[in-house]
Every structure is written in C-alpha cells, then in structure tokens.
C-alpha cells in the first residue's frame, strides 16, 4: 500500500509551515505510516484532473490504492483509525478526540483565519481597519474558552495526546505572528508541548524540505 499526499511545491515565506498538508504529514508520522508527496506547481490545483479529486482545488488530498480523501479533519481521523496514538481504543475516548478535531476546525480556525487574512492581505483596506477590532475580540473570546477547557491538563483530553491536539495545534499556529496566544500561558505551553513531539518535527522538516527543492532549483 502506497500513501500519497498532495502538497504545493512552493508558497510564499509567510505560508511555509502553515500549509495544511502539515497536518496530514504529522498524523502519518505519528502513525508510523510511510508516504510520498505529490508536489503541485501553482495552477496545478485548477486542473480538471485534480479538481475531480479535490473539488475546491486545495491541498492536501490523501490517496491510497485508489481511495481518495480530502479535508484535513477527515484525513487525520481516517489515519487515526490505524493509530492508537491519534485515536484511543475506547469508544468514548475516540469520540472526545473527534470532538476536539471538530472544535478546532469549527470553533477556532475560522476566527483565527479571519484575523490573519485581515492582517496579512487586507490591512490597508478601510473596511479591514473597521472590522479588525471586532474580529480580534471575538477570537479572544474563543481563546478564552479554549484556555478554560484546557486548564492545567497537558492535553485537551487529559494526559493523552490525540488527533484533537494535532489539529488544534496546527490551528493555533495560525496566530504565531501575533501576541494573542501569549495572553494565555497554558495555551502557549500546550502548543509548545505538542510541537516538541518528534513526529511533528519530522513532518515540518519534510514540508520545508519539499519547498526547498523548488527554492534550490
């Protein structure tokens, strides 16, 4: 069985380490599953052949022996079915891990992205200057809730790292350019704890190495 994931061959510097194939690479590393990357040049994601696999032209897609899956939450949960590191064996533990995957993608990421998009792409637009305070305030309220839920636990479900922590960490990384996460010491420590996992280091190094192939060409 050969696992292939799609990824971009090049992105601007601000996006390196942020592209979502990192989530899937990390999950595969945690699960001990080998994979190869199918690198896309800019524009390849709009080819009909690719759009037939990923209707929104995003990365990554996951391919294995004719089975194709898109959306990182779905892919990470699929990989977790083969790894107790990502999804605990007991049904309630698996449900809680899934809950945090969904919470990261639905309750935190859209609001983190809204602030990031304003700051990175639209900061000089008048509408963005007006929208930014409200967007930041709403995101802070969501981070307050996350901080309270985490409390003094090492991970979201207690002592055990799960797929929920993997996805949540990659969502929190969107805020690396801001001081917002530093307003919560437990979230800062939690993110660093997750990023210290060897599997994360290998995944990030692999993504950056693929970008480096294009930079060196």
C-alpha atoms as a PDB file:
ATOM      1  CA  UNK A   1       0.000   0.000   0.000  1.00  0.00           C
ATOM      2  CA  UNK A   2       1.385   3.394  -1.027  1.00  0.00           C
ATOM      3  CA  UNK A   3       0.091   6.597   0.534  1.00  0.00           C
ATOM      4  CA  UNK A   4       0.422   9.776  -1.496  1.00  0.00           C
ATOM      5  CA  UNK A   5      -0.496  13.245  -0.310  1.00  0.00           C
ATOM      6  CA  UNK A   6      -0.644  16.369  -2.415  1.00  0.00           C
ATOM      7  CA  UNK A   7       1.271  19.485  -1.407  1.00  0.00           C
ATOM      8  CA  UNK A   8       2.462  22.674  -3.011  1.00  0.00           C
ATOM      9  CA  UNK A   9       5.961  22.795  -4.449  1.00  0.00           C
ATOM     10  CA  UNK A  10       6.272  26.445  -3.423  1.00  0.00           C
ATOM     11  CA  UNK A  11       4.476  29.002  -1.279  1.00  0.00           C
ATOM     12  CA  UNK A  12       5.437  32.496  -0.083  1.00  0.00           C
ATOM     13  CA  UNK A  13       7.617  32.618   3.013  1.00  0.00           C
ATOM     14  CA  UNK A  14       4.770  33.623   5.329  1.00  0.00           C
ATOM     15  CA  UNK A  15       2.890  30.435   4.419  1.00  0.00           C
ATOM     16  CA  UNK A  16       5.760  27.991   4.918  1.00  0.00           C
ATOM     17  CA  UNK A  17       4.954  25.739   7.840  1.00  0.00           C
ATOM     18  CA  UNK A  18       1.296  26.747   7.630  1.00  0.00           C
ATOM     19  CA  UNK A  19       0.028  24.834   4.587  1.00  0.00           C
ATOM     20  CA  UNK A  20      -2.419  22.192   5.713  1.00  0.00           C
ATOM     21  CA  UNK A  21      -0.604  19.182   4.331  1.00  0.00           C
ATOM     22  CA  UNK A  22       1.474  19.613   7.516  1.00  0.00           C
ATOM     23  CA  UNK A  23      -1.455  18.167   9.475  1.00  0.00           C
ATOM     24  CA  UNK A  24      -1.561  15.030   7.376  1.00  0.00           C
ATOM     25  CA  UNK A  25       2.218  14.623   7.360  1.00  0.00           C
ATOM     26  CA  UNK A  26       2.182  14.896  11.159  1.00  0.00           C
ATOM     27  CA  UNK A  27      -0.599  12.322  11.505  1.00  0.00           C
ATOM     28  CA  UNK A  28       1.234   9.906   9.220  1.00  0.00           C
ATOM     29  CA  UNK A  29       4.425  10.376  11.220  1.00  0.00           C
ATOM     30  CA  UNK A  30       2.574   9.735  14.492  1.00  0.00           C
ATOM     31  CA  UNK A  31       1.027   6.615  12.992  1.00  0.00           C
ATOM     32  CA  UNK A  32       4.336   5.396  11.552  1.00  0.00           C
ATOM     33  CA  UNK A  33       2.917   5.201   8.035  1.00  0.00           C
ATOM     34  CA  UNK A  34       5.271   5.955   5.119  1.00  0.00           C
ATOM     35  CA  UNK A  35       4.085   8.297   2.393  1.00  0.00           C
ATOM     36  CA  UNK A  36       5.222  10.277  -0.588  1.00  0.00           C
ATOM     37  CA  UNK A  37       4.318  13.816  -1.571  1.00  0.00           C
ATOM     38  CA  UNK A  38       2.830  14.748  -4.928  1.00  0.00           C
ATOM     39  CA  UNK A  39       4.047  18.318  -5.392  1.00  0.00           C
ATOM     40  CA  UNK A  40       1.838  20.763  -7.258  1.00  0.00           C
ATOM     41  CA  UNK A  41       3.095  23.811  -9.094  1.00  0.00           C
ATOM     42  CA  UNK A  42       0.967  26.926  -8.858  1.00  0.00           C
ATOM     43  CA  UNK A  43      -2.091  26.413 -11.060  1.00  0.00           C
ATOM     44  CA  UNK A  44      -1.990  22.614 -10.976  1.00  0.00           C
ATOM     45  CA  UNK A  45      -4.745  22.659  -8.360  1.00  0.00           C
ATOM     46  CA  UNK A  46      -7.090  24.046 -11.001  1.00  0.00           C
ATOM     47  CA  UNK A  47      -6.545  21.242 -13.492  1.00  0.00           C
ATOM     48  CA  UNK A  48      -9.722  19.225 -14.126  1.00  0.00           C
ATOM     49  CA  UNK A  49      -7.920  16.026 -13.131  1.00  0.00           C
ATOM     50  CA  UNK A  50      -7.062  17.472  -9.727  1.00  0.00           C
ATOM     51  CA  UNK A  51     -10.450  19.124  -9.259  1.00  0.00           C
ATOM     52  CA  UNK A  52     -12.066  15.733  -9.800  1.00  0.00           C
ATOM     53  CA  UNK A  53     -10.250  14.611  -6.654  1.00  0.00           C
ATOM     54  CA  UNK A  54     -10.463  17.873  -4.673  1.00  0.00           C
ATOM     55  CA  UNK A  55     -13.441  19.947  -5.813  1.00  0.00           C
ATOM     56  CA  UNK A  56     -12.143  23.111  -4.123  1.00  0.00           C
ATOM     57  CA  UNK A  57      -8.609  22.927  -5.517  1.00  0.00           C
ATOM     58  CA  UNK A  58      -6.969  22.767  -2.104  1.00  0.00           C
ATOM     59  CA  UNK A  59      -4.198  20.672  -0.599  1.00  0.00           C
ATOM     60  CA  UNK A  60      -3.845  18.071   0.615  1.00  0.00           C
ATOM     61  CA  UNK A  61      -5.590  15.105  -0.821  1.00  0.00           C
ATOM     62  CA  UNK A  62      -4.855  11.629   0.530  1.00  0.00           C
ATOM     63  CA  UNK A  63      -4.548   8.760  -1.943  1.00  0.00           C
ATOM     64  CA  UNK A  64      -4.050   5.097  -1.155  1.00  0.00           C
ATOM     65  CA  UNK A  65      -4.654   2.254  -3.598  1.00  0.00           C
ATOM     66  CA  UNK A  66      -7.405   4.103  -5.437  1.00  0.00           C
ATOM     67  CA  UNK A  67      -9.026   5.524  -2.312  1.00  0.00           C
ATOM     68  CA  UNK A  68      -9.053   9.333  -2.280  1.00  0.00           C
ATOM     69  CA  UNK A  69      -9.947  11.607   0.607  1.00  0.00           C
ATOM     70  CA  UNK A  70      -9.863  15.382   1.053  1.00  0.00           C
ATOM     71  CA  UNK A  71     -10.298  17.774   4.020  1.00  0.00           C
ATOM     72  CA  UNK A  72      -7.634  17.508   6.699  1.00  0.00           C
ATOM     73  CA  UNK A  73     -10.026  16.716   9.528  1.00  0.00           C
ATOM     74  CA  UNK A  74     -11.413  13.731   7.648  1.00  0.00           C
ATOM     75  CA  UNK A  75      -7.946  12.592   6.567  1.00  0.00           C
ATOM     76  CA  UNK A  76      -6.452  12.799  10.064  1.00  0.00           C
ATOM     77  CA  UNK A  77      -9.389  10.882  11.532  1.00  0.00           C
ATOM     78  CA  UNK A  78      -9.021   8.249   8.804  1.00  0.00           C
ATOM     79  CA  UNK A  79      -5.338   7.854   9.638  1.00  0.00           C
ATOM     80  CA  UNK A  80      -6.292   7.737  13.311  1.00  0.00           C
ATOM     81  CA  UNK A  81      -8.324   4.602  12.662  1.00  0.00           C
ATOM     82  CA  UNK A  82      -4.951   2.895  12.222  1.00  0.00           C
ATOM     83  CA  UNK A  83      -3.194   4.515  15.157  1.00  0.00           C
ATOM     84  CA  UNK A  84      -3.993   4.452  18.862  1.00  0.00           C
ATOM     85  CA  UNK A  85      -1.648   7.410  19.238  1.00  0.00           C
ATOM     86  CA  UNK A  86      -4.233   9.526  17.422  1.00  0.00           C
ATOM     87  CA  UNK A  87      -7.496   7.855  18.407  1.00  0.00           C
ATOM     88  CA  UNK A  88      -7.751   5.965  21.708  1.00  0.00           C
ATOM     89  CA  UNK A  89      -9.124   2.418  21.536  1.00  0.00           C
ATOM     90  CA  UNK A  90     -12.110   3.077  23.823  1.00  0.00           C
ATOM     91  CA  UNK A  91     -15.218   4.489  22.080  1.00  0.00           C
ATOM     92  CA  UNK A  92     -15.673   7.412  24.468  1.00  0.00           C
ATOM     93  CA  UNK A  93     -12.046   8.432  24.131  1.00  0.00           C
ATOM     94  CA  UNK A  94     -12.325   8.312  20.345  1.00  0.00           C
ATOM     95  CA  UNK A  95     -15.472  10.412  20.479  1.00  0.00           C
ATOM     96  CA  UNK A  96     -13.750  13.021  22.649  1.00  0.00           C
ATOM     97  CA  UNK A  97     -10.757  13.142  20.298  1.00  0.00           C
ATOM     98  CA  UNK A  98     -13.118  13.608  17.359  1.00  0.00           C
ATOM     99  CA  UNK A  99     -14.938  16.323  19.284  1.00  0.00           C
ATOM    100  CA  UNK A 100     -11.712  18.333  19.590  1.00  0.00           C
ATOM    101  CA  UNK A 101     -10.886  17.862  15.906  1.00  0.00           C
ATOM    102  CA  UNK A 102     -14.275  19.352  15.039  1.00  0.00           C
ATOM    103  CA  UNK A 103     -13.910  22.107  17.644  1.00  0.00           C
ATOM    104  CA  UNK A 104     -10.529  23.145  16.271  1.00  0.00           C
ATOM    105  CA  UNK A 105     -11.864  23.352  12.716  1.00  0.00           C
ATOM    106  CA  UNK A 106     -15.264  24.889  13.507  1.00  0.00           C
ATOM    107  CA  UNK A 107     -14.920  26.914  16.701  1.00  0.00           C
ATOM    108  CA  UNK A 108     -11.358  28.265  16.499  1.00  0.00           C
ATOM    109  CA  UNK A 109      -9.920  28.125  12.968  1.00  0.00           C
ATOM    110  CA  UNK A 110     -12.486  30.297  11.113  1.00  0.00           C
ATOM    111  CA  UNK A 111     -11.978  33.152  13.557  1.00  0.00           C
ATOM    112  CA  UNK A 112      -8.196  32.821  13.648  1.00  0.00           C
ATOM    113  CA  UNK A 113      -8.173  32.863   9.845  1.00  0.00           C
ATOM    114  CA  UNK A 114     -10.424  35.897   9.722  1.00  0.00           C
ATOM    115  CA  UNK A 115      -7.942  37.920  11.778  1.00  0.00           C
ATOM    116  CA  UNK A 116      -4.960  36.542   9.865  1.00  0.00           C
ATOM    117  CA  UNK A 117      -6.484  37.330   6.464  1.00  0.00           C
ATOM    118  CA  UNK A 118      -7.188  40.890   7.552  1.00  0.00           C
ATOM    119  CA  UNK A 119      -3.658  41.349   8.893  1.00  0.00           C
ATOM    120  CA  UNK A 120      -1.811  39.731   6.007  1.00  0.00           C
ATOM    121  CA  UNK A 121      -3.844  40.602   2.928  1.00  0.00           C
ATOM    122  CA  UNK A 122      -6.177  43.492   3.717  1.00  0.00           C
ATOM    123  CA  UNK A 123      -4.596  45.543   6.499  1.00  0.00           C
ATOM    124  CA  UNK A 124      -4.565  48.739   4.400  1.00  0.00           C
ATOM    125  CA  UNK A 125      -8.206  48.445   3.356  1.00  0.00           C
ATOM    126  CA  UNK A 126     -10.583  50.759   5.185  1.00  0.00           C
ATOM    127  CA  UNK A 127     -13.154  48.032   5.759  1.00  0.00           C
ATOM    128  CA  UNK A 128     -10.458  45.826   7.308  1.00  0.00           C
ATOM    129  CA  UNK A 129      -9.405  48.549   9.733  1.00  0.00           C
ATOM    130  CA  UNK A 130     -13.006  48.791  10.864  1.00  0.00           C
ATOM    131  CA  UNK A 131     -13.539  45.020  11.063  1.00  0.00           C
ATOM    132  CA  UNK A 132     -10.291  44.040  12.756  1.00  0.00           C
ATOM    133  CA  UNK A 133     -11.109  45.068  16.387  1.00  0.00           C
ATOM    134  CA  UNK A 134     -14.371  43.146  16.398  1.00  0.00           C
ATOM    135  CA  UNK A 135     -12.807  40.098  14.760  1.00  0.00           C
ATOM    136  CA  UNK A 136      -9.922  40.103  17.252  1.00  0.00           C
ATOM    137  CA  UNK A 137     -12.312  40.483  20.193  1.00  0.00           C
ATOM    138  CA  UNK A 138     -14.400  37.517  19.062  1.00  0.00           C
ATOM    139  CA  UNK A 139     -11.281  35.394  18.569  1.00  0.00           C
ATOM    140  CA  UNK A 140     -10.081  36.317  22.051  1.00  0.00           C
ATOM    141  CA  UNK A 141     -13.370  35.098  23.487  1.00  0.00           C
ATOM    142  CA  UNK A 142     -12.912  31.789  21.714  1.00  0.00           C
ATOM    143  CA  UNK A 143      -9.333  31.515  23.006  1.00  0.00           C
ATOM    144  CA  UNK A 144     -10.597  32.286  26.498  1.00  0.00           C
ATOM    145  CA  UNK A 145     -12.975  29.352  26.196  1.00  0.00           C
ATOM    146  CA  UNK A 146     -10.248  27.055  24.910  1.00  0.00           C
ATOM    147  CA  UNK A 147      -7.894  28.113  27.695  1.00  0.00           C
ATOM    148  CA  UNK A 148     -10.550  27.405  30.299  1.00  0.00           C
ATOM    149  CA  UNK A 149     -11.288  23.970  28.810  1.00  0.00           C
ATOM    150  CA  UNK A 150      -7.595  23.052  28.770  1.00  0.00           C
ATOM    151  CA  UNK A 151      -6.960  24.292  32.297  1.00  0.00           C
ATOM    152  CA  UNK A 152      -3.818  22.733  33.713  1.00  0.00           C
ATOM    153  CA  UNK A 153      -4.094  19.498  31.727  1.00  0.00           C
ATOM    154  CA  UNK A 154      -1.198  18.541  29.429  1.00  0.00           C
ATOM    155  CA  UNK A 155      -3.587  17.840  26.539  1.00  0.00           C
ATOM    156  CA  UNK A 156      -7.210  18.563  25.713  1.00  0.00           C
ATOM    157  CA  UNK A 157      -8.412  15.161  26.901  1.00  0.00           C
ATOM    158  CA  UNK A 158      -6.075  14.921  29.869  1.00  0.00           C
ATOM    159  CA  UNK A 159      -2.743  13.135  29.883  1.00  0.00           C
ATOM    160  CA  UNK A 160      -3.052  11.665  26.391  1.00  0.00           C
ATOM    161  CA  UNK A 161      -2.187  13.343  23.071  1.00  0.00           C
ATOM    162  CA  UNK A 162      -4.804  12.686  20.374  1.00  0.00           C
ATOM    163  CA  UNK A 163      -5.799  13.766  16.879  1.00  0.00           C
ATOM    164  CA  UNK A 164      -7.689  16.625  18.525  1.00  0.00           C
ATOM    165  CA  UNK A 165      -4.435  18.057  19.854  1.00  0.00           C
ATOM    166  CA  UNK A 166      -2.767  17.639  16.476  1.00  0.00           C
ATOM    167  CA  UNK A 167      -5.419  19.632  14.655  1.00  0.00           C
ATOM    168  CA  UNK A 168      -5.777  22.218  17.427  1.00  0.00           C
ATOM    169  CA  UNK A 169      -2.028  22.870  17.458  1.00  0.00           C
ATOM    170  CA  UNK A 170      -1.922  23.494  13.722  1.00  0.00           C
ATOM    171  CA  UNK A 171      -4.855  25.889  14.078  1.00  0.00           C
ATOM    172  CA  UNK A 172      -3.148  27.788  16.904  1.00  0.00           C
ATOM    173  CA  UNK A 173      -0.033  28.092  14.733  1.00  0.00           C
ATOM    174  CA  UNK A 174      -2.002  30.474  12.515  1.00  0.00           C
ATOM    175  CA  UNK A 175      -1.529  33.004  15.322  1.00  0.00           C
ATOM    176  CA  UNK A 176       2.255  32.662  15.501  1.00  0.00           C
ATOM    177  CA  UNK A 177       2.691  36.136  14.032  1.00  0.00           C
ATOM    178  CA  UNK A 178       0.539  37.748  16.748  1.00  0.00           C
ATOM    179  CA  UNK A 179       0.857  38.093  20.566  1.00  0.00           C
ATOM    180  CA  UNK A 180      -2.681  36.813  21.068  1.00  0.00           C
ATOM    181  CA  UNK A 181      -1.783  33.286  22.146  1.00  0.00           C
ATOM    182  CA  UNK A 182       0.731  34.639  24.662  1.00  0.00           C
ATOM    183  CA  UNK A 183      -2.209  36.107  26.570  1.00  0.00           C
ATOM    184  CA  UNK A 184      -2.824  32.556  27.810  1.00  0.00           C
ATOM    185  CA  UNK A 185       0.185  30.883  29.391  1.00  0.00           C
ATOM    186  CA  UNK A 186      -1.437  27.464  29.357  1.00  0.00           C
ATOM    187  CA  UNK A 187      -2.170  27.653  25.612  1.00  0.00           C
ATOM    188  CA  UNK A 188       1.375  28.787  24.854  1.00  0.00           C
ATOM    189  CA  UNK A 189       2.799  25.889  26.888  1.00  0.00           C
ATOM    190  CA  UNK A 190       0.307  23.449  25.368  1.00  0.00           C
ATOM    191  CA  UNK A 191       1.220  24.418  21.817  1.00  0.00           C
ATOM    192  CA  UNK A 192       4.946  24.133  22.581  1.00  0.00           C
ATOM    193  CA  UNK A 193       4.370  20.731  24.198  1.00  0.00           C
ATOM    194  CA  UNK A 194       2.639  19.414  21.095  1.00  0.00           C
ATOM    195  CA  UNK A 195       5.229  20.916  18.757  1.00  0.00           C
ATOM    196  CA  UNK A 196       8.004  19.216  20.736  1.00  0.00           C
ATOM    197  CA  UNK A 197       6.790  15.793  19.601  1.00  0.00           C
ATOM    198  CA  UNK A 198       9.320  14.118  17.294  1.00  0.00           C
ATOM    199  CA  UNK A 199       6.623  13.309  14.744  1.00  0.00           C
ATOM    200  CA  UNK A 200       5.775  16.995  14.423  1.00  0.00           C
ATOM    201  CA  UNK A 201       9.429  17.852  13.875  1.00  0.00           C
ATOM    202  CA  UNK A 202       9.723  15.267  11.126  1.00  0.00           C
ATOM    203  CA  UNK A 203       6.526  16.480   9.439  1.00  0.00           C
ATOM    204  CA  UNK A 204       7.586  20.125   9.462  1.00  0.00           C
ATOM    205  CA  UNK A 205      11.064  19.260   8.200  1.00  0.00           C
ATOM    206  CA  UNK A 206       9.563  17.234   5.342  1.00  0.00           C
ATOM    207  CA  UNK A 207       7.267  20.067   4.286  1.00  0.00           C
ATOM    208  CA  UNK A 208      10.070  22.634   4.387  1.00  0.00           C
ATOM    209  CA  UNK A 209      12.385  20.266   2.515  1.00  0.00           C
ATOM    210  CA  UNK A 210       9.841  19.974  -0.303  1.00  0.00           C
ATOM    211  CA  UNK A 211       9.667  23.763  -0.535  1.00  0.00           C
ATOM    212  CA  UNK A 212      13.458  23.792  -0.549  1.00  0.00           C
ATOM    213  CA  UNK A 213      13.566  21.626  -3.665  1.00  0.00           C
ATOM    214  CA  UNK A 214      11.899  24.411  -5.611  1.00  0.00           C
ATOM    215  CA  UNK A 215      13.996  27.151  -3.946  1.00  0.00           C
ATOM    216  CA  UNK A 216      17.205  25.314  -4.878  1.00  0.00           C
ATOM    217  CA  UNK A 217      16.182  24.737  -8.495  1.00  0.00           C
END
